[in-house]
């Protein structure tokens, strides 16, 4: 279907589990993409004996403030603003916000607002997300 699976998680409680599948593609995954994949995936999952009897299947795009987890995502979104939380403090700080420079020598490089550049190994990152910027939001609305 030309979609990339970004993340799969089983969320919710034991009485109302949600199987969440996040998908993307160049230019973004739309509602029609998610609906087609949801229908196909639902039929396919019915063929298997899953460890849960009842669940809600949710197929969605990761959104404008998507989490970044894979090295390829840090390369793809270079130039965008990110919010990053480090596992351990760097110069007494765990939370960072700045322009993503991509990967430099295999490490995630971020240009902070004060001009400093910080780099993190993948294992040093607790969480990284894109920050929704006004211009990016305008571009997304134009595509819609």
N, C-alpha and C. Protein backbone atom coordinates (compact mmCIF):
# COMPACT_ATOMS: atom_id res chain seq x y z
N UNK A 1 0.82 -1.21 0.00
CA UNK A 1 0.00 0.00 0.00
C UNK A 1 0.86 1.26 0.00
N UNK A 2 2.17 1.08 0.02
CA UNK A 2 3.05 2.24 0.00
C UNK A 2 3.15 2.98 1.31
N UNK A 3 2.77 2.33 2.40
CA UNK A 3 2.81 2.95 3.72
C UNK A 3 3.94 2.36 4.55
N UNK A 4 4.48 3.18 5.41
CA UNK A 4 5.52 2.73 6.35
C UNK A 4 4.89 2.59 7.73
N UNK A 5 5.09 1.46 8.38
CA UNK A 5 4.60 1.30 9.74
C UNK A 5 5.59 1.99 10.67
N UNK A 6 5.11 3.01 11.35
CA UNK A 6 5.94 3.83 12.23
C UNK A 6 5.98 3.24 13.64
N UNK A 7 4.83 2.74 14.11
CA UNK A 7 4.77 2.21 15.46
C UNK A 7 3.56 1.29 15.59
N UNK A 8 3.66 0.31 16.46
CA UNK A 8 2.55 -0.57 16.80
C UNK A 8 2.56 -0.69 18.32
N UNK A 9 1.40 -0.49 18.93
CA UNK A 9 1.33 -0.64 20.38
C UNK A 9 -0.03 -1.20 20.79
N UNK A 10 -0.03 -1.90 21.90
CA UNK A 10 -1.26 -2.38 22.50
C UNK A 10 -1.51 -1.49 23.71
N UNK A 11 -2.55 -0.69 23.62
CA UNK A 11 -2.84 0.30 24.66
C UNK A 11 -4.19 -0.01 25.31
N UNK A 12 -4.60 0.83 26.22
CA UNK A 12 -5.87 0.63 26.91
C UNK A 12 -5.73 -0.36 28.05
N UNK A 13 -6.86 -0.70 28.64
CA UNK A 13 -6.82 -1.66 29.74
C UNK A 13 -7.21 -3.05 29.25
N UNK A 14 -7.20 -4.02 30.12
CA UNK A 14 -7.47 -5.40 29.72
C UNK A 14 -8.91 -5.59 29.26
N UNK A 15 -9.82 -4.75 29.71
CA UNK A 15 -11.22 -4.86 29.30
C UNK A 15 -11.48 -4.19 27.95
N UNK A 16 -10.68 -3.18 27.60
CA UNK A 16 -10.88 -2.44 26.36
C UNK A 16 -9.54 -2.18 25.66
N UNK A 17 -8.86 -3.24 25.24
CA UNK A 17 -7.55 -3.05 24.59
C UNK A 17 -7.69 -2.40 23.21
N UNK A 18 -6.69 -1.59 22.87
CA UNK A 18 -6.64 -0.92 21.57
C UNK A 18 -5.33 -1.30 20.91
N UNK A 19 -5.43 -1.91 19.73
CA UNK A 19 -4.25 -2.21 18.94
C UNK A 19 -4.05 -1.02 18.00
N UNK A 20 -3.04 -0.22 18.29
CA UNK A 20 -2.80 1.03 17.56
C UNK A 20 -1.65 0.84 16.58
N UNK A 21 -1.91 1.15 15.33
CA UNK A 21 -0.90 1.06 14.28
C UNK A 21 -0.75 2.46 13.67
N UNK A 22 0.45 3.01 13.77
CA UNK A 22 0.72 4.33 13.20
C UNK A 22 1.47 4.15 11.89
N UNK A 23 0.99 4.81 10.84
CA UNK A 23 1.57 4.66 9.50
C UNK A 23 1.85 6.03 8.90
N UNK A 24 2.79 6.04 7.96
CA UNK A 24 3.15 7.29 7.29
C UNK A 24 3.60 6.97 5.88
N UNK A 25 3.76 7.99 5.10
CA UNK A 25 4.32 7.92 3.75
C UNK A 25 4.83 9.31 3.42
N UNK A 26 5.67 9.39 2.39
CA UNK A 26 6.12 10.71 1.95
C UNK A 26 4.90 11.54 1.60
N UNK A 27 4.85 12.74 2.14
CA UNK A 27 3.69 13.59 1.92
C UNK A 27 2.59 13.38 2.95
N UNK A 28 2.76 12.38 3.80
CA UNK A 28 1.80 12.13 4.87
C UNK A 28 0.74 11.13 4.50
N UNK A 29 0.33 10.35 5.48
CA UNK A 29 -0.75 9.38 5.29
C UNK A 29 -2.07 10.07 5.59
N UNK A 30 -3.02 9.89 4.70
CA UNK A 30 -4.32 10.52 4.86
C UNK A 30 -5.36 9.57 5.43
N UNK A 31 -6.55 10.08 5.59
CA UNK A 31 -7.65 9.30 6.15
C UNK A 31 -7.96 8.10 5.27
N UNK A 32 -7.96 8.29 3.95
CA UNK A 32 -8.24 7.18 3.04
C UNK A 32 -7.19 6.08 3.16
N UNK A 33 -5.91 6.48 3.30
CA UNK A 33 -4.84 5.49 3.49
C UNK A 33 -5.09 4.67 4.74
N UNK A 34 -5.42 5.36 5.83
CA UNK A 34 -5.64 4.67 7.11
C UNK A 34 -6.85 3.75 7.04
N UNK A 35 -7.91 4.20 6.37
CA UNK A 35 -9.12 3.39 6.26
C UNK A 35 -8.84 2.12 5.45
N UNK A 36 -8.13 2.24 4.33
CA UNK A 36 -7.81 1.07 3.50
C UNK A 36 -6.95 0.07 4.27
N UNK A 37 -5.94 0.58 4.97
CA UNK A 37 -5.08 -0.32 5.73
C UNK A 37 -5.84 -0.96 6.88
N UNK A 38 -6.68 -0.20 7.55
CA UNK A 38 -7.47 -0.74 8.66
C UNK A 38 -8.34 -1.90 8.19
N UNK A 39 -8.99 -1.73 7.04
CA UNK A 39 -9.85 -2.80 6.50
C UNK A 39 -9.02 -4.04 6.15
N UNK A 40 -7.91 -3.85 5.47
CA UNK A 40 -7.06 -4.98 5.07
C UNK A 40 -6.45 -5.66 6.30
N UNK A 41 -5.97 -4.86 7.24
CA UNK A 41 -5.34 -5.41 8.43
C UNK A 41 -6.35 -6.16 9.30
N UNK A 42 -7.54 -5.63 9.39
CA UNK A 42 -8.59 -6.27 10.17
C UNK A 42 -8.91 -7.66 9.61
N UNK A 43 -9.04 -7.75 8.28
CA UNK A 43 -9.30 -9.06 7.66
C UNK A 43 -8.14 -10.02 7.91
N UNK A 44 -6.93 -9.52 7.80
CA UNK A 44 -5.75 -10.37 7.99
C UNK A 44 -5.64 -10.84 9.44
N UNK A 45 -5.87 -9.95 10.40
CA UNK A 45 -5.76 -10.32 11.81
C UNK A 45 -6.81 -11.33 12.22
N UNK A 46 -7.97 -11.32 11.54
CA UNK A 46 -9.02 -12.29 11.84
C UNK A 46 -8.59 -13.72 11.56
N UNK A 47 -7.56 -13.90 10.75
CA UNK A 47 -7.09 -15.23 10.39
C UNK A 47 -6.21 -15.87 11.48
N UNK A 48 -5.78 -15.05 12.44
CA UNK A 48 -4.84 -15.53 13.45
C UNK A 48 -5.48 -15.58 14.82
N UNK A 49 -5.01 -16.50 15.64
CA UNK A 49 -5.47 -16.60 17.03
C UNK A 49 -4.60 -15.66 17.87
N UNK A 50 -5.05 -14.45 18.03
CA UNK A 50 -4.30 -13.47 18.81
C UNK A 50 -4.47 -13.74 20.30
N UNK A 51 -3.53 -13.31 21.12
CA UNK A 51 -3.63 -13.56 22.56
C UNK A 51 -4.75 -12.77 23.24
N UNK A 52 -5.39 -11.86 22.51
CA UNK A 52 -6.53 -11.12 23.07
C UNK A 52 -7.75 -11.42 22.20
N UNK A 53 -8.90 -11.61 22.85
CA UNK A 53 -10.11 -11.96 22.10
C UNK A 53 -10.74 -10.74 21.45
N UNK A 54 -10.95 -9.70 22.23
CA UNK A 54 -11.60 -8.50 21.73
C UNK A 54 -10.62 -7.34 21.84
N UNK A 55 -10.61 -6.52 20.82
CA UNK A 55 -9.77 -5.33 20.81
C UNK A 55 -10.32 -4.37 19.77
N UNK A 56 -9.92 -3.14 19.88
CA UNK A 56 -10.26 -2.14 18.88
C UNK A 56 -9.01 -1.88 18.06
N UNK A 57 -9.13 -1.99 16.75
CA UNK A 57 -8.01 -1.70 15.86
C UNK A 57 -8.08 -0.23 15.49
N UNK A 58 -6.98 0.46 15.69
CA UNK A 58 -6.90 1.89 15.38
C UNK A 58 -5.70 2.09 14.45
N UNK A 59 -5.96 2.57 13.25
CA UNK A 59 -4.89 2.88 12.29
C UNK A 59 -4.91 4.38 12.09
N UNK A 60 -3.76 5.03 12.29
CA UNK A 60 -3.70 6.49 12.21
C UNK A 60 -2.32 6.93 11.75
N UNK A 61 -2.24 8.18 11.38
CA UNK A 61 -0.94 8.78 11.07
C UNK A 61 -0.33 9.22 12.39
N UNK A 62 0.98 9.35 12.47
CA UNK A 62 1.61 9.73 13.74
C UNK A 62 1.36 11.18 14.13
N UNK A 63 0.82 11.98 13.24
CA UNK A 63 0.50 13.37 13.56
C UNK A 63 1.67 14.31 13.33
N UNK A 64 1.37 15.59 13.41
CA UNK A 64 2.39 16.61 13.16
C UNK A 64 3.45 16.65 14.25
N UNK A 65 3.09 16.23 15.45
CA UNK A 65 4.04 16.24 16.57
C UNK A 65 4.56 14.83 16.83
N UNK A 66 4.76 14.10 15.77
CA UNK A 66 5.15 12.69 15.84
C UNK A 66 6.41 12.47 16.65
N UNK A 67 6.46 11.31 17.27
CA UNK A 67 7.67 10.89 17.98
C UNK A 67 8.71 10.44 16.96
N UNK A 68 9.96 10.68 17.26
CA UNK A 68 11.07 10.23 16.43
C UNK A 68 11.80 9.15 17.21
N UNK A 69 11.96 7.97 16.58
CA UNK A 69 12.59 6.86 17.27
C UNK A 69 13.73 6.21 16.49
N UNK A 70 13.61 6.22 15.17
CA UNK A 70 14.58 5.51 14.34
C UNK A 70 15.59 6.50 13.75
N UNK A 71 16.83 6.05 13.53
CA UNK A 71 17.82 6.94 12.91
C UNK A 71 17.32 7.56 11.61
N UNK A 72 16.61 6.79 10.79
CA UNK A 72 16.09 7.32 9.52
C UNK A 72 15.14 8.48 9.73
N UNK A 73 14.40 8.48 10.83
CA UNK A 73 13.47 9.58 11.11
C UNK A 73 14.23 10.85 11.48
N UNK A 74 15.35 10.70 12.18
CA UNK A 74 16.14 11.88 12.53
C UNK A 74 16.80 12.48 11.29
N UNK A 75 17.07 11.65 10.29
CA UNK A 75 17.60 12.15 9.02
C UNK A 75 16.49 12.80 8.22
N UNK A 76 15.36 12.11 8.11
CA UNK A 76 14.22 12.61 7.31
C UNK A 76 13.73 13.97 7.76
N UNK A 77 13.71 14.21 9.06
CA UNK A 77 13.13 15.45 9.58
C UNK A 77 14.19 16.49 9.95
N UNK A 78 15.40 16.33 9.44
CA UNK A 78 16.44 17.35 9.65
C UNK A 78 15.91 18.69 9.16
N UNK A 79 16.20 19.72 9.93
CA UNK A 79 15.73 21.07 9.60
C UNK A 79 14.50 21.47 10.38
N UNK A 80 13.80 20.50 10.94
CA UNK A 80 12.60 20.78 11.73
C UNK A 80 12.98 21.01 13.19
N UNK A 81 12.08 21.65 13.93
CA UNK A 81 12.28 21.88 15.36
C UNK A 81 11.80 20.64 16.12
N UNK A 82 12.62 20.21 17.08
CA UNK A 82 12.24 19.06 17.91
C UNK A 82 12.35 19.41 19.39
N UNK A 83 11.62 18.65 20.18
CA UNK A 83 11.74 18.69 21.64
C UNK A 83 12.29 17.32 22.03
N UNK A 84 13.39 17.31 22.74
CA UNK A 84 14.09 16.07 23.07
C UNK A 84 14.32 16.01 24.57
N UNK A 85 14.05 14.84 25.15
CA UNK A 85 14.34 14.60 26.56
C UNK A 85 15.43 13.54 26.62
N UNK A 86 16.51 13.88 27.29
CA UNK A 86 17.63 12.95 27.44
C UNK A 86 17.40 12.06 28.66
N UNK A 87 17.94 10.87 28.62
CA UNK A 87 17.82 9.95 29.76
C UNK A 87 18.60 10.51 30.95
N UNK A 88 19.81 10.98 30.70
CA UNK A 88 20.64 11.55 31.76
C UNK A 88 20.91 13.02 31.43
N UNK A 89 21.08 13.85 32.44
CA UNK A 89 21.34 15.28 32.20
C UNK A 89 22.63 15.52 31.41
N UNK A 90 22.58 16.52 30.56
CA UNK A 90 23.75 17.01 29.83
C UNK A 90 23.94 18.45 30.29
N UNK A 91 25.06 18.73 30.95
CA UNK A 91 25.30 20.05 31.54
C UNK A 91 24.13 20.47 32.43
N UNK A 92 23.60 19.51 33.22
CA UNK A 92 22.53 19.79 34.17
C UNK A 92 21.15 19.91 33.55
N UNK A 93 21.01 19.56 32.29
CA UNK A 93 19.73 19.74 31.59
C UNK A 93 19.32 18.42 30.92
N UNK A 94 18.02 18.09 31.03
CA UNK A 94 17.49 16.89 30.36
C UNK A 94 16.59 17.23 29.19
N UNK A 95 15.97 18.40 29.20
CA UNK A 95 15.03 18.78 28.14
C UNK A 95 15.67 19.80 27.21
N UNK A 96 15.55 19.52 25.91
CA UNK A 96 16.16 20.37 24.90
C UNK A 96 15.15 20.65 23.79
N UNK A 97 15.29 21.83 23.21
CA UNK A 97 14.45 22.22 22.08
C UNK A 97 15.32 22.97 21.09
N UNK A 98 15.24 22.57 19.84
CA UNK A 98 16.04 23.26 18.83
C UNK A 98 15.86 22.65 17.46
N UNK A 99 16.68 23.12 16.53
CA UNK A 99 16.63 22.68 15.14
C UNK A 99 17.38 21.36 15.00
N UNK A 100 16.71 20.35 14.47
CA UNK A 100 17.33 19.06 14.25
C UNK A 100 18.28 19.16 13.07
N UNK A 101 19.54 18.79 13.30
CA UNK A 101 20.55 18.84 12.25
C UNK A 101 20.70 17.49 11.56
N UNK A 102 20.04 16.46 12.09
CA UNK A 102 20.16 15.12 11.52
C UNK A 102 21.12 14.29 12.35
N UNK A 103 21.78 13.34 11.68
CA UNK A 103 22.78 12.51 12.35
C UNK A 103 24.17 12.98 11.96
N UNK A 104 25.01 13.15 12.96
CA UNK A 104 26.41 13.51 12.74
C UNK A 104 27.24 12.45 13.45
N UNK A 105 28.02 11.72 12.69
CA UNK A 105 28.81 10.62 13.23
C UNK A 105 27.94 9.64 14.01
N UNK A 106 26.73 9.37 13.51
CA UNK A 106 25.83 8.42 14.13
C UNK A 106 25.11 8.93 15.36
N UNK A 107 25.26 10.22 15.68
CA UNK A 107 24.61 10.80 16.85
C UNK A 107 23.62 11.87 16.39
N UNK A 108 22.50 11.98 17.12
CA UNK A 108 21.47 12.97 16.81
C UNK A 108 22.01 14.34 17.21
N UNK A 109 22.06 15.26 16.25
CA UNK A 109 22.59 16.60 16.50
C UNK A 109 21.45 17.62 16.50
N UNK A 110 21.45 18.48 17.52
CA UNK A 110 20.41 19.50 17.67
C UNK A 110 21.09 20.85 17.89
N UNK A 111 20.67 21.84 17.11
CA UNK A 111 21.14 23.22 17.27
C UNK A 111 20.15 23.92 18.18
N UNK A 112 20.58 24.26 19.40
CA UNK A 112 19.70 24.90 20.38
C UNK A 112 19.50 26.36 20.03
N UNK A 113 18.46 26.96 20.61
CA UNK A 113 18.14 28.37 20.33
C UNK A 113 19.27 29.32 20.72
N UNK A 114 20.07 28.94 21.71
CA UNK A 114 21.18 29.80 22.15
C UNK A 114 22.44 29.61 21.29
N UNK A 115 22.33 28.79 20.24
CA UNK A 115 23.46 28.60 19.33
C UNK A 115 24.30 27.38 19.60
N UNK A 116 24.17 26.79 20.79
CA UNK A 116 24.94 25.59 21.10
C UNK A 116 24.44 24.41 20.29
N UNK A 117 25.34 23.48 20.03
CA UNK A 117 24.97 22.22 19.39
C UNK A 117 25.19 21.10 20.38
N UNK A 118 24.18 20.25 20.54
CA UNK A 118 24.30 19.08 21.41
C UNK A 118 24.06 17.84 20.57
N UNK A 119 24.72 16.76 20.97
CA UNK A 119 24.59 15.49 20.24
C UNK A 119 24.26 14.38 21.21
N UNK A 120 23.43 13.46 20.74
CA UNK A 120 22.96 12.35 21.57
C UNK A 120 23.06 11.05 20.81
N UNK A 121 23.52 10.00 21.48
CA UNK A 121 23.41 8.66 20.92
C UNK A 121 21.96 8.22 21.04
N UNK A 122 21.54 7.31 20.20
CA UNK A 122 20.15 6.84 20.23
C UNK A 122 19.77 6.32 21.62
N UNK A 123 20.69 5.64 22.28
CA UNK A 123 20.40 5.07 23.60
C UNK A 123 20.35 6.13 24.70
N UNK A 124 20.73 7.35 24.40
CA UNK A 124 20.71 8.44 25.39
C UNK A 124 19.42 9.25 25.34
N UNK A 125 18.53 8.92 24.40
CA UNK A 125 17.30 9.69 24.21
C UNK A 125 16.12 8.98 24.84
N UNK A 126 15.46 9.66 25.79
CA UNK A 126 14.26 9.11 26.41
C UNK A 126 13.07 9.33 25.49
N UNK A 127 12.99 10.52 24.89
CA UNK A 127 11.88 10.85 24.00
C UNK A 127 12.30 12.00 23.09
N UNK A 128 11.85 11.95 21.84
CA UNK A 128 12.05 13.05 20.90
C UNK A 128 10.79 13.19 20.06
N UNK A 129 10.31 14.42 19.92
CA UNK A 129 9.10 14.69 19.15
C UNK A 129 9.31 15.91 18.28
N UNK A 130 8.63 15.91 17.13
CA UNK A 130 8.61 17.11 16.31
C UNK A 130 7.76 18.16 17.01
N UNK A 131 8.14 19.40 16.87
CA UNK A 131 7.37 20.52 17.41
C UNK A 131 6.53 21.07 16.26
N UNK A 132 5.24 21.27 16.50
CA UNK A 132 4.36 21.80 15.46
C UNK A 132 4.67 23.28 15.30
N UNK A 133 5.10 23.62 14.10
CA UNK A 133 5.43 25.02 13.79
C UNK A 133 4.34 25.58 12.88
N UNK A 134 4.10 26.86 13.00
CA UNK A 134 3.04 27.51 12.24
C UNK A 134 3.17 27.28 10.73
N UNK A 135 4.37 27.40 10.20
CA UNK A 135 4.57 27.22 8.76
C UNK A 135 4.29 25.79 8.33
N UNK A 136 4.71 24.83 9.13
CA UNK A 136 4.45 23.42 8.81
C UNK A 136 2.94 23.16 8.86
N UNK A 137 2.27 23.75 9.83
CA UNK A 137 0.82 23.60 9.94
C UNK A 137 0.12 24.18 8.71
N UNK A 138 0.56 25.33 8.25
CA UNK A 138 -0.02 25.93 7.03
C UNK A 138 0.17 25.02 5.83
N UNK A 139 1.38 24.46 5.67
CA UNK A 139 1.65 23.56 4.55
C UNK A 139 0.75 22.33 4.61
N UNK A 140 0.57 21.78 5.82
CA UNK A 140 -0.27 20.60 5.97
C UNK A 140 -1.72 20.92 5.63
N UNK A 141 -2.21 22.09 6.05
CA UNK A 141 -3.58 22.49 5.73
C UNK A 141 -3.77 22.68 4.23
N UNK A 142 -2.76 23.19 3.55
CA UNK A 142 -2.84 23.35 2.09
C UNK A 142 -2.95 22.01 1.40
N UNK A 143 -2.20 21.01 1.89
CA UNK A 143 -2.27 19.66 1.31
C UNK A 143 -3.64 19.05 1.51
N UNK A 144 -4.29 19.38 2.62
CA UNK A 144 -5.63 18.83 2.91
C UNK A 144 -6.64 19.48 2.01
